[in-house]
Amino acid sequence: MERLSTLDEAPPGTRTAVSGWVLRAAATLFLIGGFAQPTFAGVYLSGDFDGLAAHVLGADLLSSISIAQVGAAVAVWIRVRRAWPFWASLALMLGGVAQYFAGMEGALWLHLPLGVALIAGITVTFAALWMRPLPRRVKEARTDG
């Protein structure tokens, strides 16, 4: 089997499955929301206290998106037989839980570096999901009758 670079066109029959598109959509929303969070925090730290409300709302939305991404990753694992998106999404979700509680407790010594790590993880996961197709697995035909 010939190995394709990420820029080559995928061979016929390797189009991304519906479950892959749902996962990509969740990862895209997660990326957009993840990059918005530091902006909201910056507004708050600049002296506009309404920025904190936006930051908390963003955290709530990101929590929901991360749960949806884990669910979509489960579907990809089942339908496409790729486990890494589940493990990456689960790690991001658990990191987000720690991030959420660190923020609520005011533990900025953990909240800020964990936020940077989460943005990096979200970005890498997003890029990896969009670089190659996530085709539906093909069941082999039975030959025993």
Protein backbone atom coordinates (compact mmCIF):
# COMPACT_ATOMS: atom_id res chain seq x y z
CA MET A 1 0.00 0.00 0.00
CA GLU A 2 1.41 3.34 -1.03
CA ARG A 3 1.89 5.88 1.72
CA LEU A 4 0.36 9.28 0.93
CA SER A 5 1.64 12.58 2.17
CA THR A 6 -0.92 14.75 3.93
CA LEU A 7 -1.11 17.00 0.87
CA ASP A 8 -1.83 14.22 -1.63
CA GLU A 9 -5.36 13.48 -2.70
CA ALA A 10 -6.87 10.54 -0.84
CA PRO A 11 -7.45 7.39 -2.86
CA PRO A 12 -11.03 6.69 -3.96
CA GLY A 13 -13.26 5.30 -1.24
CA THR A 14 -11.40 7.02 1.60
CA ARG A 15 -13.65 9.99 2.07
CA THR A 16 -14.31 11.11 5.61
CA ALA A 17 -17.31 9.40 7.20
CA VAL A 18 -20.20 11.33 8.75
CA SER A 19 -18.91 10.54 12.23
CA GLY A 20 -15.57 12.06 11.22
CA TRP A 21 -17.27 15.26 10.04
CA VAL A 22 -19.16 15.54 13.33
CA LEU A 23 -15.90 15.12 15.23
CA ARG A 24 -14.23 17.73 13.03
CA ALA A 25 -17.11 20.15 13.67
CA ALA A 26 -16.81 19.66 17.44
CA ALA A 27 -13.02 20.12 17.26
CA THR A 28 -13.48 23.31 15.24
CA LEU A 29 -15.92 24.76 17.77
CA PHE A 30 -13.56 23.71 20.56
CA LEU A 31 -10.69 25.54 18.84
CA ILE A 32 -12.69 28.73 18.30
CA GLY A 33 -13.96 28.74 21.88
CA GLY A 34 -10.52 27.87 23.23
CA PHE A 35 -8.95 30.84 21.48
CA ALA A 36 -11.76 33.15 22.65
CA GLN A 37 -11.17 32.33 26.33
CA PRO A 38 -7.84 34.20 26.70
CA THR A 39 -9.45 37.19 25.00
CA PHE A 40 -12.25 37.25 27.56
CA ALA A 41 -9.71 36.86 30.36
CA GLY A 42 -7.68 39.71 28.91
CA VAL A 43 -10.73 41.96 28.83
CA TYR A 44 -11.30 41.19 32.52
CA LEU A 45 -7.65 41.71 33.44
CA SER A 46 -7.71 45.06 31.60
CA GLY A 47 -10.23 46.31 34.13
CA ASP A 48 -13.56 45.56 32.44
CA PHE A 49 -15.24 43.32 34.99
CA ASP A 50 -17.89 42.22 32.48
CA GLY A 51 -15.10 40.23 30.84
CA LEU A 52 -15.20 37.80 33.75
CA ALA A 53 -18.84 36.94 33.00
CA ALA A 54 -17.91 36.28 29.37
CA HIS A 55 -14.97 34.14 30.52
CA VAL A 56 -17.23 32.05 32.78
CA LEU A 57 -19.82 31.67 30.01
CA GLY A 58 -17.05 30.62 27.64
CA ALA A 59 -15.86 28.03 30.16
CA ASP A 60 -19.37 26.61 30.43
CA LEU A 61 -19.69 26.40 26.64
CA LEU A 62 -16.27 24.79 26.28
CA SER A 63 -17.23 22.18 28.86
CA SER A 64 -20.28 21.26 26.79
CA ILE A 65 -18.30 21.24 23.55
CA SER A 66 -15.64 18.99 25.08
CA ILE A 67 -18.30 16.48 26.14
CA ALA A 68 -19.76 16.55 22.62
CA GLN A 69 -16.29 16.03 21.17
CA VAL A 70 -15.72 12.98 23.37
CA GLY A 71 -19.08 11.58 22.22
CA ALA A 72 -18.18 12.17 18.57
CA ALA A 73 -14.79 10.56 19.18
CA VAL A 74 -16.53 7.46 20.56
CA ALA A 75 -18.53 7.27 17.32
CA VAL A 76 -15.31 7.58 15.30
CA TRP A 77 -13.72 4.84 17.38
CA ILE A 78 -16.68 2.53 16.73
CA ARG A 79 -17.34 3.40 13.08
CA VAL A 80 -13.86 4.24 11.78
CA ARG A 81 -11.75 2.14 14.19
CA ARG A 82 -9.54 5.04 15.22
CA ALA A 83 -9.00 5.25 18.97
CA TRP A 84 -6.58 8.18 19.20
CA PRO A 85 -9.26 10.88 18.75
CA PHE A 86 -11.11 9.48 21.77
CA TRP A 87 -8.03 9.46 23.99
CA ALA A 88 -7.00 12.95 22.87
CA SER A 89 -10.53 14.29 23.39
CA LEU A 90 -10.81 12.62 26.79
CA ALA A 91 -7.49 14.12 27.88
CA LEU A 92 -8.63 17.57 26.74
CA MET A 93 -11.95 17.19 28.52
CA LEU A 94 -10.27 16.13 31.79
CA GLY A 95 -7.77 18.96 31.46
CA GLY A 96 -10.71 21.31 30.92
CA VAL A 97 -12.36 20.04 34.12
CA ALA A 98 -9.16 20.74 36.06
CA GLN A 99 -8.92 24.13 34.36
CA TYR A 100 -12.51 24.97 35.25
CA PHE A 101 -12.12 24.15 38.93
CA ALA A 102 -8.73 25.88 39.17
CA GLY A 103 -10.36 29.01 37.77
CA MET A 104 -13.32 28.80 40.13
CA GLU A 105 -10.95 28.45 43.09
CA GLY A 106 -8.77 31.32 41.90
CA ALA A 107 -5.70 29.06 41.61
CA LEU A 108 -4.09 31.12 38.85
CA TRP A 109 -0.76 29.31 39.37
CA LEU A 110 -2.51 26.28 37.80
CA HIS A 111 -5.22 27.97 35.74
CA LEU A 112 -2.91 29.98 33.47
CA PRO A 113 -0.30 27.34 32.50
CA LEU A 114 -2.98 24.68 32.15
CA GLY A 115 -4.88 27.03 29.84
CA VAL A 116 -1.81 27.40 27.63
CA ALA A 117 -1.36 23.61 27.55
CA LEU A 118 -5.03 23.11 26.68
CA ILE A 119 -4.87 25.59 23.80
CA ALA A 120 -1.83 23.73 22.46
CA GLY A 121 -3.60 20.36 22.81
CA ILE A 122 -6.80 21.63 21.21
CA THR A 123 -4.81 23.07 18.29
CA VAL A 124 -2.78 19.89 17.70
CA THR A 125 -5.90 17.70 17.89
CA PHE A 126 -7.76 20.01 15.50
CA ALA A 127 -4.88 19.92 12.99
CA ALA A 128 -4.52 16.14 13.22
CA LEU A 129 -8.25 15.62 12.62
CA TRP A 130 -8.25 17.82 9.52
CA MET A 131 -5.00 16.56 7.94
CA ARG A 132 -6.19 13.11 6.80
CA PRO A 133 -9.56 11.62 5.93
CA LEU A 134 -11.42 9.62 8.56
CA PRO A 135 -13.00 6.99 6.27
CA ARG A 136 -15.63 4.55 7.37
CA ARG A 137 -14.22 1.09 7.80
CA VAL A 138 -15.09 -1.38 5.08
CA LYS A 139 -16.36 -4.76 6.18
CA GLU A 140 -14.67 -7.60 4.39
CA ALA A 141 -16.93 -9.93 2.44
CA ARG A 142 -17.41 -13.38 3.92
CA THR A 143 -16.06 -16.15 1.78
CA ASP A 144 -17.32 -19.11 3.79
CA GLY A 145 -20.82 -18.89 2.41
